[in-house]
Amino acid sequence: MVSQEFTLQYELHGAGWATASVEQVHTVAMTVSYLHDSLRQLAESAIALERHAKQSKVIFMSEPGEHQLCLTRGGVNELDYQIRWYDDWESWGMHPTDQYQVVLSGKVSVMRYREQVAKVLHNIYDGIGTDRYKELWVEHDFPTNEYRTLNTP
């Protein structure tokens, strides 16, 4: 059975830093660096999974280390997820792929995941707008196209 208590938050903390958190049973807070376009990848994952992709991964780079939110379709409308911690940047080939710690795992419906990602994008768009996001995030623009896709009924 899929729990609807999966909650996703994403909070910007000034230039180039954010915190993403996933809550289900307990909360995992993940540092997010501007070195990776995590917000866009998060949005792309929700779109891909809604369009029946079998799996998706979102990288949240810290300095050093990274979290990865790995989602796999467990049924027609269900996702199994794991949040993995790597001591260095696995996504850049600086750490072995198979050496990680699972810090949270669970199930979430595709719709709940999509809704939570759409809410994160909406809060940033409404809260600071695309220009301020670019000022803070420097390397990456706000994912406007993905925002529109996820916030269109």
N, C-alpha and C. Protein backbone atom coordinates (compact mmCIF):
# COMPACT_ATOMS: atom_id res chain seq x y z
N MET A 1 0.83 -1.18 0.00
CA MET A 1 0.00 0.00 0.00
C MET A 1 0.88 1.25 0.00
N VAL A 2 0.52 2.24 -0.78
CA VAL A 2 1.28 3.47 -0.91
C VAL A 2 0.84 4.46 0.16
N SER A 3 1.80 4.99 0.90
CA SER A 3 1.50 6.00 1.90
C SER A 3 1.42 7.38 1.24
N GLN A 4 0.44 8.17 1.62
CA GLN A 4 0.31 9.52 1.10
C GLN A 4 1.04 10.53 1.97
N GLU A 5 1.81 10.08 2.91
CA GLU A 5 2.47 10.99 3.82
C GLU A 5 3.86 11.40 3.34
N PHE A 6 4.20 11.08 2.13
CA PHE A 6 5.45 11.51 1.51
C PHE A 6 5.38 13.03 1.30
N THR A 7 6.33 13.76 1.88
CA THR A 7 6.37 15.21 1.74
C THR A 7 7.75 15.62 1.25
N LEU A 8 7.77 16.53 0.30
CA LEU A 8 9.01 17.03 -0.28
C LEU A 8 9.07 18.54 -0.09
N GLN A 9 10.21 19.03 0.37
CA GLN A 9 10.42 20.48 0.50
C GLN A 9 11.75 20.85 -0.11
N TYR A 10 11.86 22.11 -0.54
CA TYR A 10 13.09 22.60 -1.17
C TYR A 10 13.21 24.06 -0.80
N GLU A 11 14.24 24.40 -0.03
CA GLU A 11 14.39 25.76 0.47
C GLU A 11 15.75 26.33 0.06
N LEU A 12 15.73 27.49 -0.58
CA LEU A 12 16.96 28.17 -0.99
C LEU A 12 17.55 28.92 0.21
N HIS A 13 18.89 28.92 0.30
CA HIS A 13 19.59 29.57 1.41
C HIS A 13 20.63 30.55 0.91
N GLY A 14 20.29 31.42 0.04
CA GLY A 14 21.28 32.35 -0.48
C GLY A 14 21.98 31.78 -1.69
N ALA A 15 23.06 32.42 -2.08
CA ALA A 15 23.73 32.09 -3.34
C ALA A 15 24.29 30.67 -3.37
N GLY A 16 23.70 29.85 -4.24
CA GLY A 16 24.25 28.54 -4.54
C GLY A 16 23.99 27.42 -3.56
N TRP A 17 23.14 27.63 -2.57
CA TRP A 17 22.87 26.59 -1.59
C TRP A 17 21.38 26.46 -1.33
N ALA A 18 20.96 25.23 -1.11
CA ALA A 18 19.57 24.94 -0.77
C ALA A 18 19.55 23.70 0.11
N THR A 19 18.38 23.44 0.66
CA THR A 19 18.15 22.20 1.38
C THR A 19 16.90 21.56 0.80
N ALA A 20 17.03 20.31 0.39
CA ALA A 20 15.88 19.52 -0.03
C ALA A 20 15.61 18.53 1.09
N SER A 21 14.35 18.31 1.40
CA SER A 21 14.05 17.32 2.43
C SER A 21 12.87 16.46 2.00
N VAL A 22 12.98 15.20 2.38
CA VAL A 22 11.92 14.23 2.14
C VAL A 22 11.49 13.72 3.50
N GLU A 23 10.18 13.71 3.71
CA GLU A 23 9.65 13.21 4.97
C GLU A 23 8.65 12.10 4.69
N GLN A 24 8.89 10.98 5.31
CA GLN A 24 7.95 9.86 5.34
C GLN A 24 8.44 8.97 6.47
N VAL A 25 7.73 8.93 7.53
CA VAL A 25 8.11 8.29 8.80
C VAL A 25 9.12 9.18 9.53
N HIS A 26 10.26 9.47 8.91
CA HIS A 26 11.17 10.49 9.46
C HIS A 26 11.67 11.35 8.31
N THR A 27 12.42 12.40 8.64
CA THR A 27 12.85 13.38 7.64
C THR A 27 14.32 13.23 7.34
N VAL A 28 14.65 13.32 6.06
CA VAL A 28 16.04 13.38 5.61
C VAL A 28 16.24 14.72 4.93
N ALA A 29 17.15 15.52 5.47
CA ALA A 29 17.49 16.82 4.88
C ALA A 29 18.77 16.64 4.07
N MET A 30 18.76 17.19 2.86
CA MET A 30 19.88 17.02 1.95
C MET A 30 20.40 18.39 1.51
N THR A 31 21.68 18.62 1.67
CA THR A 31 22.30 19.85 1.19
C THR A 31 22.31 19.80 -0.34
N VAL A 32 22.03 20.95 -0.95
CA VAL A 32 22.00 21.04 -2.40
C VAL A 32 22.93 22.18 -2.83
N SER A 33 23.91 21.86 -3.66
CA SER A 33 24.86 22.84 -4.18
C SER A 33 24.51 23.21 -5.61
N TYR A 34 24.89 24.42 -6.00
CA TYR A 34 24.69 24.89 -7.36
C TYR A 34 25.48 24.08 -8.39
N LEU A 35 26.38 23.22 -7.94
CA LEU A 35 27.19 22.43 -8.86
C LEU A 35 26.36 21.50 -9.74
N HIS A 36 25.13 21.23 -9.31
CA HIS A 36 24.25 20.36 -10.09
C HIS A 36 22.88 21.02 -10.17
N ASP A 37 22.20 20.86 -11.29
CA ASP A 37 20.88 21.48 -11.48
C ASP A 37 19.80 20.55 -10.91
N SER A 38 19.80 20.43 -9.59
CA SER A 38 18.91 19.49 -8.90
C SER A 38 17.44 19.83 -9.06
N LEU A 39 17.10 21.11 -9.03
CA LEU A 39 15.69 21.49 -9.15
C LEU A 39 15.13 21.07 -10.51
N ARG A 40 15.88 21.32 -11.57
CA ARG A 40 15.43 20.91 -12.91
C ARG A 40 15.33 19.38 -12.98
N GLN A 41 16.32 18.69 -12.44
CA GLN A 41 16.30 17.23 -12.49
C GLN A 41 15.12 16.67 -11.69
N LEU A 42 14.79 17.31 -10.59
CA LEU A 42 13.63 16.91 -9.80
C LEU A 42 12.36 17.04 -10.64
N ALA A 43 12.21 18.17 -11.31
CA ALA A 43 11.04 18.40 -12.16
C ALA A 43 11.00 17.40 -13.31
N GLU A 44 12.14 17.18 -13.95
CA GLU A 44 12.19 16.23 -15.06
C GLU A 44 11.83 14.82 -14.61
N SER A 45 12.24 14.46 -13.39
CA SER A 45 11.92 13.11 -12.90
C SER A 45 10.41 12.94 -12.72
N ALA A 46 9.75 13.97 -12.18
CA ALA A 46 8.30 13.87 -11.98
C ALA A 46 7.57 13.75 -13.32
N ILE A 47 8.01 14.50 -14.30
CA ILE A 47 7.41 14.44 -15.63
C ILE A 47 7.64 13.07 -16.26
N ALA A 48 8.87 12.59 -16.19
CA ALA A 48 9.20 11.29 -16.79
C ALA A 48 8.41 10.15 -16.14
N LEU A 49 8.32 10.17 -14.82
CA LEU A 49 7.60 9.10 -14.12
C LEU A 49 6.10 9.16 -14.39
N GLU A 50 5.57 10.37 -14.50
CA GLU A 50 4.16 10.51 -14.85
C GLU A 50 3.89 9.96 -16.25
N ARG A 51 4.90 10.05 -17.10
CA ARG A 51 4.79 9.55 -18.48
C ARG A 51 5.23 8.09 -18.58
N HIS A 52 5.27 7.40 -17.44
CA HIS A 52 5.48 5.96 -17.34
C HIS A 52 6.93 5.50 -17.48
N ALA A 53 7.89 6.39 -17.21
CA ALA A 53 9.28 5.93 -17.14
C ALA A 53 9.38 4.87 -16.05
N LYS A 54 10.28 3.93 -16.21
CA LYS A 54 10.43 2.85 -15.24
C LYS A 54 11.23 3.28 -14.02
N GLN A 55 12.13 4.26 -14.21
CA GLN A 55 12.93 4.73 -13.08
C GLN A 55 13.45 6.13 -13.35
N SER A 56 13.91 6.76 -12.27
CA SER A 56 14.45 8.10 -12.36
C SER A 56 15.38 8.33 -11.17
N LYS A 57 16.30 9.28 -11.34
CA LYS A 57 17.24 9.58 -10.26
C LYS A 57 17.43 11.09 -10.20
N VAL A 58 17.48 11.61 -8.97
CA VAL A 58 17.74 13.03 -8.75
C VAL A 58 18.96 13.14 -7.84
N ILE A 59 19.91 13.97 -8.26
CA ILE A 59 21.16 14.14 -7.52
C ILE A 59 21.13 15.45 -6.74
N PHE A 60 21.51 15.35 -5.48
CA PHE A 60 21.63 16.52 -4.61
C PHE A 60 23.07 16.57 -4.12
N MET A 61 23.90 17.39 -4.77
CA MET A 61 25.33 17.45 -4.45
C MET A 61 25.57 18.28 -3.21
N SER A 62 26.40 17.74 -2.35
CA SER A 62 26.92 18.47 -1.22
C SER A 62 28.39 18.69 -1.53
N GLU A 63 29.14 19.23 -0.61
CA GLU A 63 30.57 19.42 -0.84
C GLU A 63 31.33 19.01 0.41
N PRO A 64 31.81 17.78 0.50
CA PRO A 64 31.77 16.69 -0.48
C PRO A 64 30.53 15.81 -0.28
N GLY A 65 30.40 14.83 -1.13
CA GLY A 65 29.35 13.84 -1.03
C GLY A 65 28.10 14.26 -1.78
N GLU A 66 27.18 13.31 -1.87
CA GLU A 66 25.91 13.60 -2.53
C GLU A 66 24.85 12.61 -2.08
N HIS A 67 23.62 13.10 -2.07
CA HIS A 67 22.45 12.24 -1.92
C HIS A 67 21.89 11.98 -3.31
N GLN A 68 21.30 10.82 -3.47
CA GLN A 68 20.58 10.51 -4.69
C GLN A 68 19.21 9.97 -4.31
N LEU A 69 18.19 10.58 -4.90
CA LEU A 69 16.83 10.09 -4.75
C LEU A 69 16.59 9.19 -5.94
N CYS A 70 16.50 7.89 -5.69
CA CYS A 70 16.33 6.89 -6.75
C CYS A 70 14.90 6.37 -6.69
N LEU A 71 14.17 6.53 -7.79
CA LEU A 71 12.76 6.13 -7.85
C LEU A 71 12.60 5.06 -8.92
N THR A 72 11.86 4.01 -8.57
CA THR A 72 11.60 2.90 -9.48
C THR A 72 10.13 2.57 -9.45
N ARG A 73 9.56 2.38 -10.61
CA ARG A 73 8.14 2.04 -10.69
C ARG A 73 7.93 0.67 -10.06
N GLY A 74 7.05 0.63 -9.03
CA GLY A 74 6.75 -0.61 -8.34
C GLY A 74 5.40 -1.17 -8.73
N GLY A 75 4.67 -0.47 -9.53
CA GLY A 75 3.34 -0.85 -9.99
C GLY A 75 2.88 0.22 -10.95
N VAL A 76 1.67 0.13 -11.41
CA VAL A 76 1.17 1.09 -12.39
C VAL A 76 1.24 2.52 -11.86
N ASN A 77 0.79 2.73 -10.63
CA ASN A 77 0.75 4.08 -10.05
C ASN A 77 1.59 4.22 -8.80
N GLU A 78 2.56 3.33 -8.61
CA GLU A 78 3.33 3.30 -7.38
C GLU A 78 4.82 3.38 -7.68
N LEU A 79 5.52 4.13 -6.83
CA LEU A 79 6.97 4.23 -6.92
C LEU A 79 7.60 3.73 -5.63
N ASP A 80 8.67 2.97 -5.78
CA ASP A 80 9.54 2.63 -4.67
C ASP A 80 10.68 3.63 -4.73
N TYR A 81 11.08 4.17 -3.59
CA TYR A 81 12.20 5.11 -3.61
C TYR A 81 13.22 4.78 -2.54
N GLN A 82 14.44 5.20 -2.80
CA GLN A 82 15.53 5.14 -1.83
C GLN A 82 16.26 6.47 -1.91
N ILE A 83 16.65 6.98 -0.76
CA ILE A 83 17.59 8.09 -0.73
C ILE A 83 18.91 7.50 -0.29
N ARG A 84 19.89 7.64 -1.17
CA ARG A 84 21.22 7.07 -0.94
C ARG A 84 22.21 8.19 -0.65
N TRP A 85 23.11 7.94 0.29
CA TRP A 85 24.19 8.86 0.59
C TRP A 85 25.51 8.26 0.11
N TYR A 86 26.25 9.05 -0.67
CA TYR A 86 27.59 8.69 -1.14
C TYR A 86 28.57 9.66 -0.49
N ASP A 87 29.69 9.15 0.00
CA ASP A 87 30.68 9.99 0.68
C ASP A 87 31.39 10.96 -0.25
N ASP A 88 31.34 10.71 -1.55
CA ASP A 88 31.91 11.62 -2.54
C ASP A 88 30.97 11.62 -3.74
N TRP A 89 31.34 12.29 -4.80
CA TRP A 89 30.46 12.49 -5.94
C TRP A 89 30.43 11.28 -6.86
N GLU A 90 29.52 10.38 -6.61
CA GLU A 90 29.33 9.20 -7.47
C GLU A 90 28.96 9.65 -8.87
N SER A 91 28.13 10.68 -8.98
CA SER A 91 27.65 11.14 -10.29
C SER A 91 28.77 11.69 -11.17
N TRP A 92 29.88 12.07 -10.58
CA TRP A 92 31.04 12.55 -11.34
C TRP A 92 32.13 11.48 -11.42
N GLY A 93 31.79 10.23 -11.02
CA GLY A 93 32.75 9.13 -11.09
C GLY A 93 33.83 9.18 -10.02
N MET A 94 33.61 9.91 -8.95
CA MET A 94 34.62 10.05 -7.90
C MET A 94 34.37 9.12 -6.71
N HIS A 95 33.36 8.27 -6.82
CA HIS A 95 33.03 7.34 -5.74
C HIS A 95 32.40 6.10 -6.37
N PRO A 96 32.69 4.92 -5.83
CA PRO A 96 32.09 3.70 -6.39
C PRO A 96 30.56 3.71 -6.32
N THR A 97 29.94 3.31 -7.40
CA THR A 97 28.48 3.29 -7.52
C THR A 97 27.82 2.41 -6.46
N ASP A 98 28.47 1.33 -6.08
CA ASP A 98 27.84 0.37 -5.17
C ASP A 98 28.18 0.63 -3.69
N GLN A 99 28.84 1.73 -3.39
CA GLN A 99 29.19 2.03 -2.00
C GLN A 99 28.40 3.24 -1.52
N TYR A 100 27.25 2.95 -0.92
CA TYR A 100 26.36 4.00 -0.43
C TYR A 100 25.61 3.49 0.80
N GLN A 101 25.01 4.43 1.49
CA GLN A 101 24.16 4.12 2.64
C GLN A 101 22.74 4.55 2.29
N VAL A 102 21.77 3.67 2.49
CA VAL A 102 20.36 4.02 2.31
C VAL A 102 19.90 4.74 3.57
N VAL A 103 19.53 6.03 3.43
CA VAL A 103 19.12 6.81 4.59
C VAL A 103 17.61 6.92 4.74
N LEU A 104 16.87 6.60 3.68
CA LEU A 104 15.41 6.56 3.75
C LEU A 104 14.91 5.79 2.54
N SER A 105 13.87 5.01 2.75
CA SER A 105 13.23 4.30 1.63
C SER A 105 11.75 4.18 1.93
N GLY A 106 10.99 3.99 0.88
CA GLY A 106 9.56 3.86 1.05
C GLY A 106 8.84 3.78 -0.27
N LYS A 107 7.55 4.03 -0.22
CA LYS A 107 6.70 4.01 -1.40
C LYS A 107 5.91 5.31 -1.46
N VAL A 108 5.62 5.72 -2.68
CA VAL A 108 4.82 6.92 -2.89
C VAL A 108 4.08 6.74 -4.21
N SER A 109 2.88 7.26 -4.30
CA SER A 109 2.16 7.17 -5.57
C SER A 109 2.79 8.15 -6.56
N VAL A 110 2.67 7.84 -7.83
CA VAL A 110 3.18 8.72 -8.87
C VAL A 110 2.52 10.09 -8.74
N MET A 111 1.22 10.12 -8.49
CA MET A 111 0.49 11.38 -8.37
C MET A 111 0.99 12.21 -7.18
N ARG A 112 1.22 11.56 -6.03
CA ARG A 112 1.70 12.29 -4.86
C ARG A 112 3.09 12.87 -5.13
N TYR A 113 3.96 12.11 -5.75
CA TYR A 113 5.30 12.61 -6.08
C TYR A 113 5.20 13.81 -7.01
N ARG A 114 4.39 13.70 -8.05
CA ARG A 114 4.19 14.79 -9.00
C ARG A 114 3.67 16.03 -8.29
N GLU A 115 2.67 15.86 -7.43
CA GLU A 115 2.09 16.98 -6.69
C GLU A 115 3.11 17.67 -5.80
N GLN A 116 3.95 16.89 -5.13
CA GLN A 116 4.96 17.46 -4.24
C GLN A 116 6.02 18.23 -5.02
N VAL A 117 6.44 17.71 -6.16
CA VAL A 117 7.42 18.41 -6.99
C VAL A 117 6.81 19.69 -7.56
N ALA A 118 5.57 19.60 -8.03
CA ALA A 118 4.89 20.79 -8.56
C ALA A 118 4.77 21.87 -7.49
N LYS A 119 4.49 21.47 -6.26
CA LYS A 119 4.36 22.42 -5.14
C LYS A 119 5.69 23.11 -4.86
N VAL A 120 6.78 22.35 -4.88
CA VAL A 120 8.12 22.92 -4.68
C VAL A 120 8.40 23.99 -5.74
N LEU A 121 8.15 23.66 -7.00
CA LEU A 121 8.38 24.62 -8.07
C LEU A 121 7.50 25.85 -7.92
N HIS A 122 6.24 25.64 -7.60
CA HIS A 122 5.30 26.74 -7.44
C HIS A 122 5.73 27.67 -6.30
N ASN A 123 6.18 27.11 -5.20
CA ASN A 123 6.61 27.92 -4.06
C ASN A 123 7.81 28.80 -4.41
N ILE A 124 8.75 28.25 -5.16
CA ILE A 124 9.92 29.04 -5.56
C ILE A 124 9.51 30.10 -6.58
N TYR A 125 8.71 29.72 -7.55
CA TYR A 125 8.25 30.65 -8.59
C TYR A 125 7.48 31.80 -7.97
N ASP A 126 6.55 31.49 -7.09
CA ASP A 126 5.75 32.53 -6.42
C ASP A 126 6.55 33.31 -5.38
N GLY A 127 7.45 32.62 -4.70
CA GLY A 127 8.18 33.23 -3.60
C GLY A 127 9.27 34.19 -4.02
N ILE A 128 10.07 33.81 -5.03
CA ILE A 128 11.18 34.69 -5.42
C ILE A 128 11.21 34.99 -6.92
N GLY A 129 10.56 34.19 -7.73
CA GLY A 129 10.53 34.43 -9.17
C GLY A 129 11.76 33.91 -9.88
N THR A 130 11.71 33.94 -11.19
CA THR A 130 12.76 33.35 -12.02
C THR A 130 14.05 34.17 -12.03
N ASP A 131 13.94 35.49 -12.00
CA ASP A 131 15.14 36.33 -12.03
C ASP A 131 15.95 36.18 -10.75
N ARG A 132 15.27 36.22 -9.61
CA ARG A 132 15.98 36.07 -8.33
C ARG A 132 16.55 34.66 -8.19
N TYR A 133 15.83 33.67 -8.68
CA TYR A 133 16.35 32.30 -8.66
C TYR A 133 17.68 32.24 -9.40
N LYS A 134 17.74 32.84 -10.59
CA LYS A 134 18.98 32.84 -11.38
C LYS A 134 20.10 33.56 -10.63
N GLU A 135 19.79 34.66 -9.96
CA GLU A 135 20.80 35.37 -9.17
C GLU A 135 21.36 34.47 -8.07
N LEU A 136 20.50 33.73 -7.41
CA LEU A 136 20.92 32.87 -6.32
C LEU A 136 21.60 31.59 -6.81
N TRP A 137 21.12 31.06 -7.91
CA TRP A 137 21.59 29.76 -8.34
C TRP A 137 22.70 29.84 -9.39
N VAL A 138 22.98 31.02 -9.90
CA VAL A 138 24.10 31.37 -10.75
C VAL A 138 24.22 30.51 -12.01
N GLU A 139 24.53 29.26 -11.86
CA GLU A 139 24.81 28.38 -13.00
C GLU A 139 23.56 27.90 -13.74
N HIS A 140 22.41 27.96 -13.10
CA HIS A 140 21.21 27.32 -13.66
C HIS A 140 19.99 28.24 -13.59
N ASP A 141 19.23 28.22 -14.66
CA ASP A 141 17.97 28.97 -14.69
C ASP A 141 16.87 28.17 -13.99
N PHE A 142 15.85 28.87 -13.56
CA PHE A 142 14.66 28.21 -13.02
C PHE A 142 14.06 27.34 -14.14
N PRO A 143 13.63 26.12 -13.82
CA PRO A 143 13.07 25.22 -14.86
C PRO A 143 11.64 25.62 -15.26
N THR A 144 11.53 26.70 -15.99
CA THR A 144 10.23 27.28 -16.34
C THR A 144 9.36 26.33 -17.16
N ASN A 145 9.92 25.69 -18.17
CA ASN A 145 9.12 24.77 -19.00
C ASN A 145 8.58 23.61 -18.18
N GLU A 146 9.40 23.07 -17.32
CA GLU A 146 8.98 21.95 -16.47
C GLU A 146 7.93 22.43 -15.45
N TYR A 147 8.13 23.64 -14.93
CA TYR A 147 7.15 24.24 -14.02
C TYR A 147 5.79 24.33 -14.71
N ARG A 148 5.78 24.83 -15.93
CA ARG A 148 4.52 24.95 -16.67
C ARG A 148 3.88 23.59 -16.92
N THR A 149 4.69 22.62 -17.28
CA THR A 149 4.17 21.28 -17.53
C THR A 149 3.51 20.70 -16.27
N LEU A 150 4.20 20.84 -15.14
CA LEU A 150 3.69 20.26 -13.89
C LEU A 150 2.55 21.06 -13.27
N ASN A 151 2.42 22.32 -13.61
CA ASN A 151 1.36 23.14 -13.02
C ASN A 151 0.22 23.40 -13.99
N THR A 152 0.14 22.61 -15.04
CA THR A 152 -0.98 22.67 -15.96
C THR A 152 -1.86 21.46 -15.69
N PRO A 153 -3.16 21.71 -15.41
CA PRO A 153 -4.04 20.58 -15.09
C PRO A 153 -4.22 19.62 -16.26
